[in-house]
Amino acid sequence: MYKSIIKPIFFRFDPEKVHHFTFGALKFVNSIPGVSALIRANCQVNDPRLEREVFGLKFKNPVGLAAGLDKDAKLYSELENFGFGFIEIGTLTPKGQPGNPKKRLFRLKEDNGLINRMGFNNGGIEEAIERLKKNKGTLIGGNIGKNKVTPNEQANEDYEICFEALFPYVDYFVVNVSSPNTPNLRALQDKEPLKALLHGLQVKNNQKEAPKPILLKIAPDLTDDQLLDIIEIVTETKIAGVIATNTTIDRSNLKSIHQQETGGLSGKPLTKRSTEVIRFLSEKSNKAFPIIGVGGIHSAEDAIEKLEAGASLIQLYTGFIYEGPGLIKKINKAILSKY
């Protein structure tokens, strides 16, 4: 039904407007008595064999929602109903910001992709926290970043503000230094700035009575030498793991008229490269830390490929938009039949 009726209608309209409409519609539909239970009954695959324990957390299945869709923690419970094992919110910044000027989100239909240059648009951590206080058991990851106006020299302070404020309300943290849509943000992936940032967060984390996993989200555009640096940094700072990968600035072999739009490219064009990065990190580190695989998962086969490359968990975003909620169920069933 989604691919034959809903998607063709949605894809006729501006993607950002459709996003807001869909969120409103899902919120309303789930408020109707019995609808949430009906969605869960049709979409969720509940089987103990799908459970995973990764960086000290227990996931009911390995298929999560990547950051970017539910930036402000507005719909995490409703989205979990579709069968996700965990939901990652954000990217959140200390203060709310409008992001980049519209139009800033483009569908590349011929390529099964999206280009976005949203620019960390969000309402800020305090708004999200008010919603997270109502969480009734959804496993939540908190993806954190810096405000656009914050210079890189002071970026660590923004990440630490987010970390301290969100600590009671999320299950794990993701340090996002790999979005191409905030000026100079990717410079924080350089070895020394990144090491200092992660070390500072770990110091604060280790002061807590029960520290929480901190993960690093990296770009797919890093060279092999840079990926080796990432392995060294993860080992040295003792963070919990890596999310591979964020969106790409590469535009190779695209067909869409939107291919030259600036921003981060996600979806099918990213499938191969993100899997290569997962495999490289897994093999070169001798599986020293968990990896969450994300990028171009549009089928159960894509998901299995990421897991076999070395991912412990996977996340969907663009594939969820193109393929619909049924993709989650297909992946979980494929995992059960495969393993």
C-alpha atoms as a PDB file:
ATOM      1  CA  MET A   1       0.000   0.000   0.000  1.00  0.00           C
ATOM      2  CA  TYR A   2       2.785   2.432   0.896  1.00  0.00           C
ATOM      3  CA  LYS A   3       4.758   2.053  -2.344  1.00  0.00           C
ATOM      4  CA  SER A   4       1.701   1.795  -4.594  1.00  0.00           C
ATOM      5  CA  ILE A   5      -0.511   4.548  -3.116  1.00  0.00           C
ATOM      6  CA  ILE A   6       1.008   6.669  -0.342  1.00  0.00           C
ATOM      7  CA  LYS A   7       4.518   7.178  -1.736  1.00  0.00           C
ATOM      8  CA  PRO A   8       3.411   8.296  -5.251  1.00  0.00           C
ATOM      9  CA  ILE A   9       1.151  10.921  -3.654  1.00  0.00           C
ATOM     10  CA  PHE A  10       3.778  12.141  -1.183  1.00  0.00           C
ATOM     11  CA  PHE A  11       6.460  12.317  -3.867  1.00  0.00           C
ATOM     12  CA  ARG A  12       4.411  14.876  -5.797  1.00  0.00           C
ATOM     13  CA  PHE A  13       4.962  17.470  -3.081  1.00  0.00           C
ATOM     14  CA  ASP A  14       7.869  19.307  -1.483  1.00  0.00           C
ATOM     15  CA  PRO A  15       9.753  16.775   0.675  1.00  0.00           C
ATOM     16  CA  GLU A  16      10.125  19.011   3.725  1.00  0.00           C
ATOM     17  CA  LYS A  17       6.420  19.916   3.715  1.00  0.00           C
ATOM     18  CA  VAL A  18       5.555  16.225   3.355  1.00  0.00           C
ATOM     19  CA  HIS A  19       7.807  15.465   6.321  1.00  0.00           C
ATOM     20  CA  HIS A  20       5.913  17.884   8.580  1.00  0.00           C
ATOM     21  CA  PHE A  21       2.531  16.704   7.280  1.00  0.00           C
ATOM     22  CA  THR A  22       3.445  13.067   7.889  1.00  0.00           C
ATOM     23  CA  PHE A  23       4.607  13.776  11.434  1.00  0.00           C
ATOM     24  CA  GLY A  24       1.325  15.515  12.198  1.00  0.00           C
ATOM     25  CA  ALA A  25      -0.683  12.710  10.635  1.00  0.00           C
ATOM     26  CA  LEU A  26       1.186   9.981  12.515  1.00  0.00           C
ATOM     27  CA  LYS A  27       0.762  11.847  15.789  1.00  0.00           C
ATOM     28  CA  PHE A  28      -2.978  12.163  15.193  1.00  0.00           C
ATOM     29  CA  VAL A  29      -3.531   8.581  13.987  1.00  0.00           C
ATOM     30  CA  ASN A  30      -1.641   7.125  16.939  1.00  0.00           C
ATOM     31  CA  SER A  31      -3.795   9.146  19.333  1.00  0.00           C
ATOM     32  CA  ILE A  32      -6.876   7.191  18.198  1.00  0.00           C
ATOM     33  CA  PRO A  33      -7.550   4.359  20.687  1.00  0.00           C
ATOM     34  CA  GLY A  34      -6.368   0.998  19.396  1.00  0.00           C
ATOM     35  CA  VAL A  35      -4.432   2.305  16.380  1.00  0.00           C
ATOM     36  CA  SER A  36      -0.982   2.046  17.984  1.00  0.00           C
ATOM     37  CA  ALA A  37      -1.673  -1.558  18.960  1.00  0.00           C
ATOM     38  CA  LEU A  38      -2.864  -2.319  15.424  1.00  0.00           C
ATOM     39  CA  ILE A  39       0.304  -0.835  13.894  1.00  0.00           C
ATOM     40  CA  ARG A  40       2.485  -2.829  16.284  1.00  0.00           C
ATOM     41  CA  ALA A  41       0.608  -6.046  15.508  1.00  0.00           C
ATOM     42  CA  ASN A  42       1.128  -5.559  11.772  1.00  0.00           C
ATOM     43  CA  CYS A  43       4.683  -4.198  11.744  1.00  0.00           C
ATOM     44  CA  GLN A  44       6.654  -5.586  14.659  1.00  0.00           C
ATOM     45  CA  VAL A  45       8.561  -8.864  14.689  1.00  0.00           C
ATOM     46  CA  ASN A  46       9.021  -9.915  18.304  1.00  0.00           C
ATOM     47  CA  ASP A  47      11.444 -12.794  18.674  1.00  0.00           C
ATOM     48  CA  PRO A  48      14.143 -13.334  21.327  1.00  0.00           C
ATOM     49  CA  ARG A  49      16.551 -14.348  18.538  1.00  0.00           C
ATOM     50  CA  LEU A  50      16.515 -10.758  17.268  1.00  0.00           C
ATOM     51  CA  GLU A  51      17.720  -9.345  20.574  1.00  0.00           C
ATOM     52  CA  ARG A  52      21.221  -7.898  20.644  1.00  0.00           C
ATOM     53  CA  GLU A  53      23.390  -6.724  23.520  1.00  0.00           C
ATOM     54  CA  VAL A  54      25.749  -4.057  22.240  1.00  0.00           C
ATOM     55  CA  PHE A  55      27.935  -1.646  24.267  1.00  0.00           C
ATOM     56  CA  GLY A  56      26.090  -2.730  27.393  1.00  0.00           C
ATOM     57  CA  LEU A  57      22.579  -2.018  26.089  1.00  0.00           C
ATOM     58  CA  LYS A  58      19.912  -4.547  25.215  1.00  0.00           C
ATOM     59  CA  PHE A  59      18.212  -3.946  21.840  1.00  0.00           C
ATOM     60  CA  LYS A  60      15.010  -5.838  21.050  1.00  0.00           C
ATOM     61  CA  ASN A  61      16.149  -6.025  17.420  1.00  0.00           C
ATOM     62  CA  PRO A  62      19.122  -4.619  15.491  1.00  0.00           C
ATOM     63  CA  VAL A  63      17.172  -2.272  13.176  1.00  0.00           C
ATOM     64  CA  GLY A  64      17.137   1.351  14.307  1.00  0.00           C
ATOM     65  CA  LEU A  65      16.077   4.712  12.951  1.00  0.00           C
ATOM     66  CA  ALA A  66      18.977   6.990  12.098  1.00  0.00           C
ATOM     67  CA  ALA A  67      19.229  10.563  13.326  1.00  0.00           C
ATOM     68  CA  GLY A  68      17.732  13.304  11.184  1.00  0.00           C
ATOM     69  CA  LEU A  69      14.152  12.115  10.843  1.00  0.00           C
ATOM     70  CA  ASP A  70      12.996  12.787  14.410  1.00  0.00           C
ATOM     71  CA  LYS A  71      15.347  15.662  15.172  1.00  0.00           C
ATOM     72  CA  ASP A  72      13.349  17.073  18.065  1.00  0.00           C
ATOM     73  CA  ALA A  73      12.122  13.851  19.712  1.00  0.00           C
ATOM     74  CA  LYS A  74       8.558  14.573  18.608  1.00  0.00           C
ATOM     75  CA  LEU A  75       7.608  11.100  17.348  1.00  0.00           C
ATOM     76  CA  TYR A  76       9.972   8.506  18.830  1.00  0.00           C
ATOM     77  CA  SER A  77       7.202   6.417  20.419  1.00  0.00           C
ATOM     78  CA  GLU A  78       5.023   6.397  17.287  1.00  0.00           C
ATOM     79  CA  LEU A  79       7.997   5.518  15.080  1.00  0.00           C
ATOM     80  CA  GLU A  80       8.966   2.653  17.383  1.00  0.00           C
ATOM     81  CA  ASN A  81       5.524   1.161  16.710  1.00  0.00           C
ATOM     82  CA  PHE A  82       6.686   0.371  13.151  1.00  0.00           C
ATOM     83  CA  GLY A  83       9.139  -2.178  14.538  1.00  0.00           C
ATOM     84  CA  PHE A  84      12.350  -0.262  15.146  1.00  0.00           C
ATOM     85  CA  GLY A  85      14.584  -1.641  17.871  1.00  0.00           C
ATOM     86  CA  PHE A  86      15.838   1.826  18.780  1.00  0.00           C
ATOM     87  CA  ILE A  87      15.374   5.462  17.771  1.00  0.00           C
ATOM     88  CA  GLU A  88      18.120   8.041  17.391  1.00  0.00           C
ATOM     89  CA  ILE A  89      17.002  11.635  17.831  1.00  0.00           C
ATOM     90  CA  GLY A  90      18.806  14.795  16.732  1.00  0.00           C
ATOM     91  CA  THR A  91      21.097  16.210  15.738  1.00  0.00           C
ATOM     92  CA  LEU A  92      20.418  18.485  18.718  1.00  0.00           C
ATOM     93  CA  THR A  93      22.346  21.665  19.516  1.00  0.00           C
ATOM     94  CA  PRO A  94      22.448  23.645  22.783  1.00  0.00           C
ATOM     95  CA  LYS A  95      20.244  26.405  21.398  1.00  0.00           C
ATOM     96  CA  GLY A  96      17.497  26.086  18.820  1.00  0.00           C
ATOM     97  CA  GLN A  97      18.384  27.232  15.314  1.00  0.00           C
ATOM     98  CA  PRO A  98      16.442  27.453  12.039  1.00  0.00           C
ATOM     99  CA  GLY A  99      19.055  25.715   9.896  1.00  0.00           C
ATOM    100  CA  ASN A 100      19.882  26.682   6.348  1.00  0.00           C
ATOM    101  CA  PRO A 101      17.546  28.607   4.003  1.00  0.00           C
ATOM    102  CA  LYS A 102      14.855  26.636   2.179  1.00  0.00           C
ATOM    103  CA  LYS A 103      14.730  24.849  -0.248  1.00  0.00           C
ATOM    104  CA  ARG A 104      17.157  22.465   1.401  1.00  0.00           C
ATOM    105  CA  LEU A 105      15.842  18.931   0.859  1.00  0.00           C
ATOM    106  CA  PHE A 106      15.767  17.238  -2.563  1.00  0.00           C
ATOM    107  CA  ARG A 107      14.596  13.832  -3.767  1.00  0.00           C
ATOM    108  CA  LEU A 108      16.784  12.125  -6.338  1.00  0.00           C
ATOM    109  CA  LYS A 109      14.101   9.732  -7.564  1.00  0.00           C
ATOM    110  CA  GLU A 110      16.170   8.215 -10.381  1.00  0.00           C
ATOM    111  CA  ASP A 111      18.940   7.449  -7.897  1.00  0.00           C
ATOM    112  CA  ASN A 112      16.797   6.419  -4.901  1.00  0.00           C
ATOM    113  CA  GLY A 113      18.499   9.111  -2.887  1.00  0.00           C
ATOM    114  CA  LEU A 114      18.114  12.374  -1.025  1.00  0.00           C
ATOM    115  CA  ILE A 115      20.273  15.457  -0.800  1.00  0.00           C
ATOM    116  CA  ASN A 116      19.819  17.583   2.294  1.00  0.00           C
ATOM    117  CA  ARG A 117      21.476  20.729   3.517  1.00  0.00           C
ATOM    118  CA  MET A 118      19.245  21.199   6.545  1.00  0.00           C
ATOM    119  CA  GLY A 119      22.015  22.595   8.752  1.00  0.00           C
ATOM    120  CA  PHE A 120      21.120  21.132  12.163  1.00  0.00           C
ATOM    121  CA  ASN A 121      17.677  22.754  12.255  1.00  0.00           C
ATOM    122  CA  ASN A 122      16.205  21.924  15.656  1.00  0.00           C
ATOM    123  CA  GLY A 123      14.433  23.466  18.615  1.00  0.00           C
ATOM    124  CA  GLY A 124      17.366  22.992  20.987  1.00  0.00           C
ATOM    125  CA  ILE A 125      18.003  20.507  23.759  1.00  0.00           C
ATOM    126  CA  GLU A 126      15.567  21.926  26.318  1.00  0.00           C
ATOM    127  CA  GLU A 127      12.530  21.457  24.041  1.00  0.00           C
ATOM    128  CA  ALA A 128      13.585  17.882  23.259  1.00  0.00           C
ATOM    129  CA  ILE A 129      14.127  17.082  26.930  1.00  0.00           C
ATOM    130  CA  GLU A 130      10.544  18.053  27.773  1.00  0.00           C
ATOM    131  CA  ARG A 131       9.348  15.444  25.260  1.00  0.00           C
ATOM    132  CA  LEU A 132      11.869  12.819  26.366  1.00  0.00           C
ATOM    133  CA  LYS A 133      10.546  13.078  29.924  1.00  0.00           C
ATOM    134  CA  LYS A 134       7.437  11.304  28.630  1.00  0.00           C
ATOM    135  CA  ASN A 135       9.369   8.313  27.270  1.00  0.00           C
ATOM    136  CA  LYS A 136       7.837   5.001  28.336  1.00  0.00           C
ATOM    137  CA  GLY A 137      10.594   2.603  27.373  1.00  0.00           C
ATOM    138  CA  THR A 138      11.803   3.436  23.868  1.00  0.00           C
ATOM    139  CA  LEU A 139      15.567   2.957  23.598  1.00  0.00           C
ATOM    140  CA  ILE A 140      16.858   6.390  22.579  1.00  0.00           C
ATOM    141  CA  GLY A 141      20.155   7.564  21.134  1.00  0.00           C
ATOM    142  CA  GLY A 142      20.996  11.255  21.450  1.00  0.00           C
ATOM    143  CA  ASN A 143      22.836  12.683  18.448  1.00  0.00           C
ATOM    144  CA  ILE A 144      24.566  15.936  19.437  1.00  0.00           C
ATOM    145  CA  GLY A 145      26.285  18.749  17.557  1.00  0.00           C
ATOM    146  CA  LYS A 146      27.375  22.360  17.801  1.00  0.00           C
ATOM    147  CA  ASN A 147      25.460  25.515  16.964  1.00  0.00           C
ATOM    148  CA  LYS A 148      26.288  27.122  13.625  1.00  0.00           C
ATOM    149  CA  VAL A 149      27.487  30.344  15.267  1.00  0.00           C
ATOM    150  CA  THR A 150      29.844  28.521  17.627  1.00  0.00           C
ATOM    151  CA  PRO A 151      33.439  28.653  16.341  1.00  0.00           C
ATOM    152  CA  ASN A 152      35.304  25.352  16.188  1.00  0.00           C
ATOM    153  CA  GLU A 153      37.620  26.556  18.964  1.00  0.00           C
ATOM    154  CA  GLN A 154      34.622  26.518  21.318  1.00  0.00           C
ATOM    155  CA  ALA A 155      32.829  23.491  19.821  1.00  0.00           C
ATOM    156  CA  ASN A 156      33.749  21.225  22.731  1.00  0.00           C
ATOM    157  CA  GLU A 157      31.653  23.401  25.048  1.00  0.00           C
ATOM    158  CA  ASP A 158      28.529  22.905  22.878  1.00  0.00           C
ATOM    159  CA  TYR A 159      28.946  19.136  22.839  1.00  0.00           C
ATOM    160  CA  GLU A 160      29.492  19.065  26.611  1.00  0.00           C
ATOM    161  CA  ILE A 161      26.390  21.217  27.224  1.00  0.00           C
ATOM    162  CA  CYS A 162      24.303  18.775  25.180  1.00  0.00           C
ATOM    163  CA  PHE A 163      25.878  15.786  26.900  1.00  0.00           C
ATOM    164  CA  GLU A 164      25.189  17.054  30.424  1.00  0.00           C
ATOM    165  CA  ALA A 165      21.622  18.149  29.680  1.00  0.00           C
ATOM    166  CA  LEU A 166      20.589  15.004  27.799  1.00  0.00           C
ATOM    167  CA  PHE A 167      22.380  12.505  30.034  1.00  0.00           C
ATOM    168  CA  PRO A 168      19.338  11.488  32.143  1.00  0.00           C
ATOM    169  CA  TYR A 169      17.087  11.064  29.090  1.00  0.00           C
ATOM    170  CA  VAL A 170      18.972   9.041  26.467  1.00  0.00           C
ATOM    171  CA  ASP A 171      20.540   5.597  26.458  1.00  0.00           C
ATOM    172  CA  TYR A 172      23.578   6.389  24.319  1.00  0.00           C
ATOM    173  CA  PHE A 173      25.209   9.423  22.712  1.00  0.00           C
ATOM    174  CA  VAL A 174      26.388  10.079  19.172  1.00  0.00           C
ATOM    175  CA  VAL A 175      28.964  12.779  18.491  1.00  0.00           C
ATOM    176  CA  ASN A 176      28.191  14.221  15.068  1.00  0.00           C
ATOM    177  CA  VAL A 177      31.221  15.923  13.501  1.00  0.00           C
ATOM    178  CA  SER A 178      30.550  14.582  10.019  1.00  0.00           C
ATOM    179  CA  SER A 179      27.587  16.532   8.656  1.00  0.00           C
ATOM    180  CA  PRO A 180      28.587  18.520   5.546  1.00  0.00           C
ATOM    181  CA  ASN A 181      25.912  21.152   6.213  1.00  0.00           C
ATOM    182  CA  THR A 182      27.408  23.145   9.097  1.00  0.00           C
ATOM    183  CA  PRO A 183      30.378  25.302   8.044  1.00  0.00           C
ATOM    184  CA  ASN A 184      33.762  23.838   9.093  1.00  0.00           C
ATOM    185  CA  LEU A 185      32.136  21.079  11.168  1.00  0.00           C
ATOM    186  CA  ARG A 186      33.988  18.302   9.358  1.00  0.00           C
ATOM    187  CA  ALA A 187      37.304  19.895  10.360  1.00  0.00           C
ATOM    188  CA  LEU A 188      36.536  18.489  13.832  1.00  0.00           C
ATOM    189  CA  GLN A 189      37.158  15.018  12.349  1.00  0.00           C
ATOM    190  CA  ASP A 190      40.864  15.864  12.134  1.00  0.00           C
ATOM    191  CA  LYS A 191      42.879  13.752  14.510  1.00  0.00           C
ATOM    192  CA  GLU A 192      43.848  16.185  17.271  1.00  0.00           C
ATOM    193  CA  PRO A 193      40.568  18.184  17.532  1.00  0.00           C
ATOM    194  CA  LEU A 194      38.562  14.965  17.517  1.00  0.00           C
ATOM    195  CA  LYS A 195      40.729  13.347  20.152  1.00  0.00           C
ATOM    196  CA  ALA A 196      40.363  16.394  22.397  1.00  0.00           C
ATOM    197  CA  LEU A 197      36.579  16.510  21.918  1.00  0.00           C
ATOM    198  CA  LEU A 198      36.035  12.831  22.685  1.00  0.00           C
ATOM    199  CA  HIS A 199      38.472  12.852  25.597  1.00  0.00           C
ATOM    200  CA  GLY A 200      36.622  15.784  27.172  1.00  0.00           C
ATOM    201  CA  LEU A 201      33.279  13.996  26.852  1.00  0.00           C
ATOM    202  CA  GLN A 202      34.717  10.790  28.283  1.00  0.00           C
ATOM    203  CA  VAL A 203      36.068  12.650  31.294  1.00  0.00           C
ATOM    204  CA  LYS A 204      32.565  13.938  32.023  1.00  0.00           C
ATOM    205  CA  ASN A 205      31.082  10.508  31.273  1.00  0.00           C
ATOM    206  CA  ASN A 206      33.405   8.712  33.665  1.00  0.00           C
ATOM    207  CA  GLN A 207      32.448  11.102  36.449  1.00  0.00           C
ATOM    208  CA  LYS A 208      28.900   9.745  36.290  1.00  0.00           C
ATOM    209  CA  GLU A 209      27.726   6.968  38.578  1.00  0.00           C
ATOM    210  CA  ALA A 210      26.707   4.916  35.516  1.00  0.00           C
ATOM    211  CA  PRO A 211      28.526   6.132  32.344  1.00  0.00           C
ATOM    212  CA  LYS A 212      26.690   5.830  29.034  1.00  0.00           C
ATOM    213  CA  PRO A 213      28.003   4.685  25.645  1.00  0.00           C
ATOM    214  CA  ILE A 214      29.437   7.449  23.453  1.00  0.00           C
ATOM    215  CA  LEU A 215      29.689   6.768  19.716  1.00  0.00           C
ATOM    216  CA  LEU A 216      31.270   8.742  16.906  1.00  0.00           C
ATOM    217  CA  LYS A 217      29.454   9.271  13.596  1.00  0.00           C
ATOM    218  CA  ILE A 218      31.888   9.530  10.695  1.00  0.00           C
ATOM    219  CA  ALA A 219      31.708  10.610   7.068  1.00  0.00           C
ATOM    220  CA  PRO A 220      31.958   8.123   4.200  1.00  0.00           C
ATOM    221  CA  ASP A 221      34.419  10.459   2.476  1.00  0.00           C
ATOM    222  CA  LEU A 222      37.349   9.724   4.804  1.00  0.00           C
ATOM    223  CA  THR A 223      40.482   8.201   3.293  1.00  0.00           C
ATOM    224  CA  ASP A 224      41.941   4.900   4.490  1.00  0.00           C
ATOM    225  CA  ASP A 225      44.590   6.803   6.475  1.00  0.00           C
ATOM    226  CA  GLN A 226      41.882   8.882   8.139  1.00  0.00           C
ATOM    227  CA  LEU A 227      39.911   5.736   8.953  1.00  0.00           C
ATOM    228  CA  LEU A 228      43.037   4.276  10.568  1.00  0.00           C
ATOM    229  CA  ASP A 229      43.215   7.461  12.639  1.00  0.00           C
ATOM    230  CA  ILE A 230      39.600   6.895  13.669  1.00  0.00           C
ATOM    231  CA  ILE A 231      40.476   3.388  14.889  1.00  0.00           C
ATOM    232  CA  GLU A 232      43.391   4.815  16.890  1.00  0.00           C
ATOM    233  CA  ILE A 233      41.215   7.568  18.393  1.00  0.00           C
ATOM    234  CA  VAL A 234      38.422   5.164  19.369  1.00  0.00           C
ATOM    235  CA  THR A 235      40.959   2.858  20.999  1.00  0.00           C
ATOM    236  CA  GLU A 236      42.727   5.685  22.808  1.00  0.00           C
ATOM    237  CA  THR A 237      39.636   7.529  24.073  1.00  0.00           C
ATOM    238  CA  LYS A 238      37.811   4.274  24.855  1.00  0.00           C
ATOM    239  CA  ILE A 239      34.502   5.461  23.399  1.00  0.00           C
ATOM    240  CA  ALA A 240      31.935   2.731  22.805  1.00  0.00           C
ATOM    241  CA  GLY A 241      31.906   2.549  19.006  1.00  0.00           C
ATOM    242  CA  VAL A 242      31.361   4.148  15.619  1.00  0.00           C
ATOM    243  CA  ILE A 243      28.389   4.911  13.378  1.00  0.00           C
ATOM    244  CA  ALA A 244      29.357   4.435   9.735  1.00  0.00           C
ATOM    245  CA  THR A 245      28.341   6.477   7.883  1.00  0.00           C
ATOM    246  CA  ASN A 246      26.860   9.938   7.573  1.00  0.00           C
ATOM    247  CA  THR A 247      25.890  11.459   4.207  1.00  0.00           C
ATOM    248  CA  THR A 248      28.433  11.952   1.419  1.00  0.00           C
ATOM    249  CA  ILE A 249      29.557  14.928  -0.634  1.00  0.00           C
ATOM    250  CA  ASP A 250      30.478  12.600  -3.521  1.00  0.00           C
ATOM    251  CA  ARG A 251      28.309  12.930  -6.620  1.00  0.00           C
ATOM    252  CA  SER A 252      29.621  10.084  -8.788  1.00  0.00           C
ATOM    253  CA  ASN A 253      27.289   8.333 -11.258  1.00  0.00           C
ATOM    254  CA  LEU A 254      24.099  10.203 -10.394  1.00  0.00           C
ATOM    255  CA  LYS A 255      21.219  10.653 -12.862  1.00  0.00           C
ATOM    256  CA  SER A 256      18.909  13.129 -11.136  1.00  0.00           C
ATOM    257  CA  ILE A 257      18.590  16.771 -12.157  1.00  0.00           C
ATOM    258  CA  HIS A 258      19.267  17.612  -8.496  1.00  0.00           C
ATOM    259  CA  GLN A 259      22.687  15.968  -8.447  1.00  0.00           C
ATOM    260  CA  GLN A 260      24.598  19.262  -8.237  1.00  0.00           C
ATOM    261  CA  GLU A 261      22.700  20.554  -5.214  1.00  0.00           C
ATOM    262  CA  THR A 262      25.016  21.161  -2.293  1.00  0.00           C
ATOM    263  CA  GLY A 263      24.561  19.127   0.869  1.00  0.00           C
ATOM    264  CA  GLY A 264      24.814  15.559   2.008  1.00  0.00           C
ATOM    265  CA  LEU A 265      23.720  12.721  -0.255  1.00  0.00           C
ATOM    266  CA  SER A 266      22.017   9.695   1.307  1.00  0.00           C
ATOM    267  CA  GLY A 267      20.261   6.614   0.018  1.00  0.00           C
ATOM    268  CA  LYS A 268      21.156   4.011  -2.578  1.00  0.00           C
ATOM    269  CA  PRO A 269      24.206   5.866  -3.984  1.00  0.00           C
ATOM    270  CA  LEU A 270      25.793   5.470  -0.544  1.00  0.00           C
ATOM    271  CA  THR A 271      25.199   1.720  -0.157  1.00  0.00           C
ATOM    272  CA  LYS A 272      28.552   0.467  -1.423  1.00  0.00           C
ATOM    273  CA  ARG A 273      30.786   3.063   0.194  1.00  0.00           C
ATOM    274  CA  SER A 274      29.223   2.834   3.646  1.00  0.00           C
ATOM    275  CA  THR A 275      29.632  -0.950   3.562  1.00  0.00           C
ATOM    276  CA  GLU A 276      33.278  -0.534   2.515  1.00  0.00           C
ATOM    277  CA  VAL A 277      33.891   1.737   5.494  1.00  0.00           C
ATOM    278  CA  ILE A 278      32.217  -0.727   7.877  1.00  0.00           C
ATOM    279  CA  ARG A 279      34.319  -3.597   6.535  1.00  0.00           C
ATOM    280  CA  PHE A 280      37.548  -1.572   6.699  1.00  0.00           C
ATOM    281  CA  LEU A 281      36.962  -0.492  10.309  1.00  0.00           C
ATOM    282  CA  SER A 282      35.932  -3.987  11.380  1.00  0.00           C
ATOM    283  CA  GLU A 283      38.863  -5.751   9.749  1.00  0.00           C
ATOM    284  CA  LYS A 284      41.601  -3.227  10.536  1.00  0.00           C
ATOM    285  CA  SER A 285      40.539  -2.977  14.174  1.00  0.00           C
ATOM    286  CA  ASN A 286      40.104  -6.744  14.553  1.00  0.00           C
ATOM    287  CA  LYS A 287      36.504  -6.044  15.582  1.00  0.00           C
ATOM    288  CA  ALA A 288      37.744  -4.053  18.573  1.00  0.00           C
ATOM    289  CA  PHE A 289      34.549  -1.984  18.894  1.00  0.00           C
ATOM    290  CA  PRO A 290      30.907  -2.164  17.753  1.00  0.00           C
ATOM    291  CA  ILE A 291      29.824  -0.453  14.538  1.00  0.00           C
ATOM    292  CA  ILE A 292      26.330   0.768  13.693  1.00  0.00           C
ATOM    293  CA  GLY A 293      25.943   0.502   9.925  1.00  0.00           C
ATOM    294  CA  VAL A 294      23.901   3.116   8.087  1.00  0.00           C
ATOM    295  CA  GLY A 295      23.806   4.303   4.498  1.00  0.00           C
ATOM    296  CA  GLY A 296      21.789   3.071   1.537  1.00  0.00           C
ATOM    297  CA  ILE A 297      19.853   0.255   3.197  1.00  0.00           C
ATOM    298  CA  HIS A 298      16.866  -0.174   0.863  1.00  0.00           C
ATOM    299  CA  SER A 299      16.346  -3.938   1.152  1.00  0.00           C
ATOM    300  CA  ALA A 300      16.838  -6.872   3.489  1.00  0.00           C
ATOM    301  CA  GLU A 301      19.835  -7.857   1.355  1.00  0.00           C
ATOM    302  CA  ASP A 302      21.440  -4.455   1.935  1.00  0.00           C
ATOM    303  CA  ALA A 303      20.965  -4.893   5.680  1.00  0.00           C
ATOM    304  CA  ILE A 304      22.454  -8.398   5.739  1.00  0.00           C
ATOM    305  CA  GLU A 305      25.424  -7.135   3.735  1.00  0.00           C
ATOM    306  CA  LYS A 306      26.134  -4.468   6.360  1.00  0.00           C
ATOM    307  CA  LEU A 307      25.873  -6.990   9.188  1.00  0.00           C
ATOM    308  CA  GLU A 308      28.188  -9.398   7.418  1.00  0.00           C
ATOM    309  CA  ALA A 309      30.666  -6.579   6.796  1.00  0.00           C
ATOM    310  CA  GLY A 310      30.955  -6.124  10.544  1.00  0.00           C
ATOM    311  CA  ALA A 311      28.047  -4.013  11.763  1.00  0.00           C
ATOM    312  CA  SER A 312      26.486  -5.017  15.084  1.00  0.00           C
ATOM    313  CA  LEU A 313      23.380  -2.902  14.486  1.00  0.00           C
ATOM    314  CA  ILE A 314      21.972  -1.026  11.495  1.00  0.00           C
ATOM    315  CA  GLN A 315      19.946   2.129  10.951  1.00  0.00           C
ATOM    316  CA  LEU A 316      17.510   3.302   8.283  1.00  0.00           C
ATOM    317  CA  TYR A 317      16.633   6.744   7.011  1.00  0.00           C
ATOM    318  CA  THR A 318      16.318   7.251   3.261  1.00  0.00           C
ATOM    319  CA  GLY A 319      15.434   3.593   2.681  1.00  0.00           C
ATOM    320  CA  PHE A 320      12.590   3.997   5.183  1.00  0.00           C
ATOM    321  CA  ILE A 321      11.247   6.928   3.132  1.00  0.00           C
ATOM    322  CA  TYR A 322      11.565   5.179  -0.239  1.00  0.00           C
ATOM    323  CA  GLU A 323      10.530   1.657   0.789  1.00  0.00           C
ATOM    324  CA  GLY A 324       8.132   2.389   3.639  1.00  0.00           C
ATOM    325  CA  PRO A 325       7.647   0.864   7.106  1.00  0.00           C
ATOM    326  CA  GLY A 326       7.437  -2.654   5.660  1.00  0.00           C
ATOM    327  CA  LEU A 327      11.205  -2.595   5.163  1.00  0.00           C
ATOM    328  CA  ILE A 328      11.805  -2.967   8.914  1.00  0.00           C
ATOM    329  CA  LYS A 329       9.741  -6.148   9.082  1.00  0.00           C
ATOM    330  CA  LYS A 330      11.432  -7.561   5.969  1.00  0.00           C
ATOM    331  CA  ILE A 331      14.878  -6.986   7.459  1.00  0.00           C
ATOM    332  CA  ASN A 332      14.028  -8.543  10.812  1.00  0.00           C
ATOM    333  CA  LYS A 333      12.488 -11.580   9.115  1.00  0.00           C
ATOM    334  CA  ALA A 334      15.537 -11.931   6.870  1.00  0.00           C
ATOM    335  CA  ILE A 335      17.812 -11.813   9.911  1.00  0.00           C
ATOM    336  CA  LEU A 336      15.787 -14.578  11.560  1.00  0.00           C
ATOM    337  CA  SER A 337      15.981 -16.769   8.467  1.00  0.00           C
ATOM    338  CA  LYS A 338      19.673 -16.052   7.924  1.00  0.00           C
ATOM    339  CA  TYR A 339      20.924 -16.521  11.458  1.00  0.00           C
END
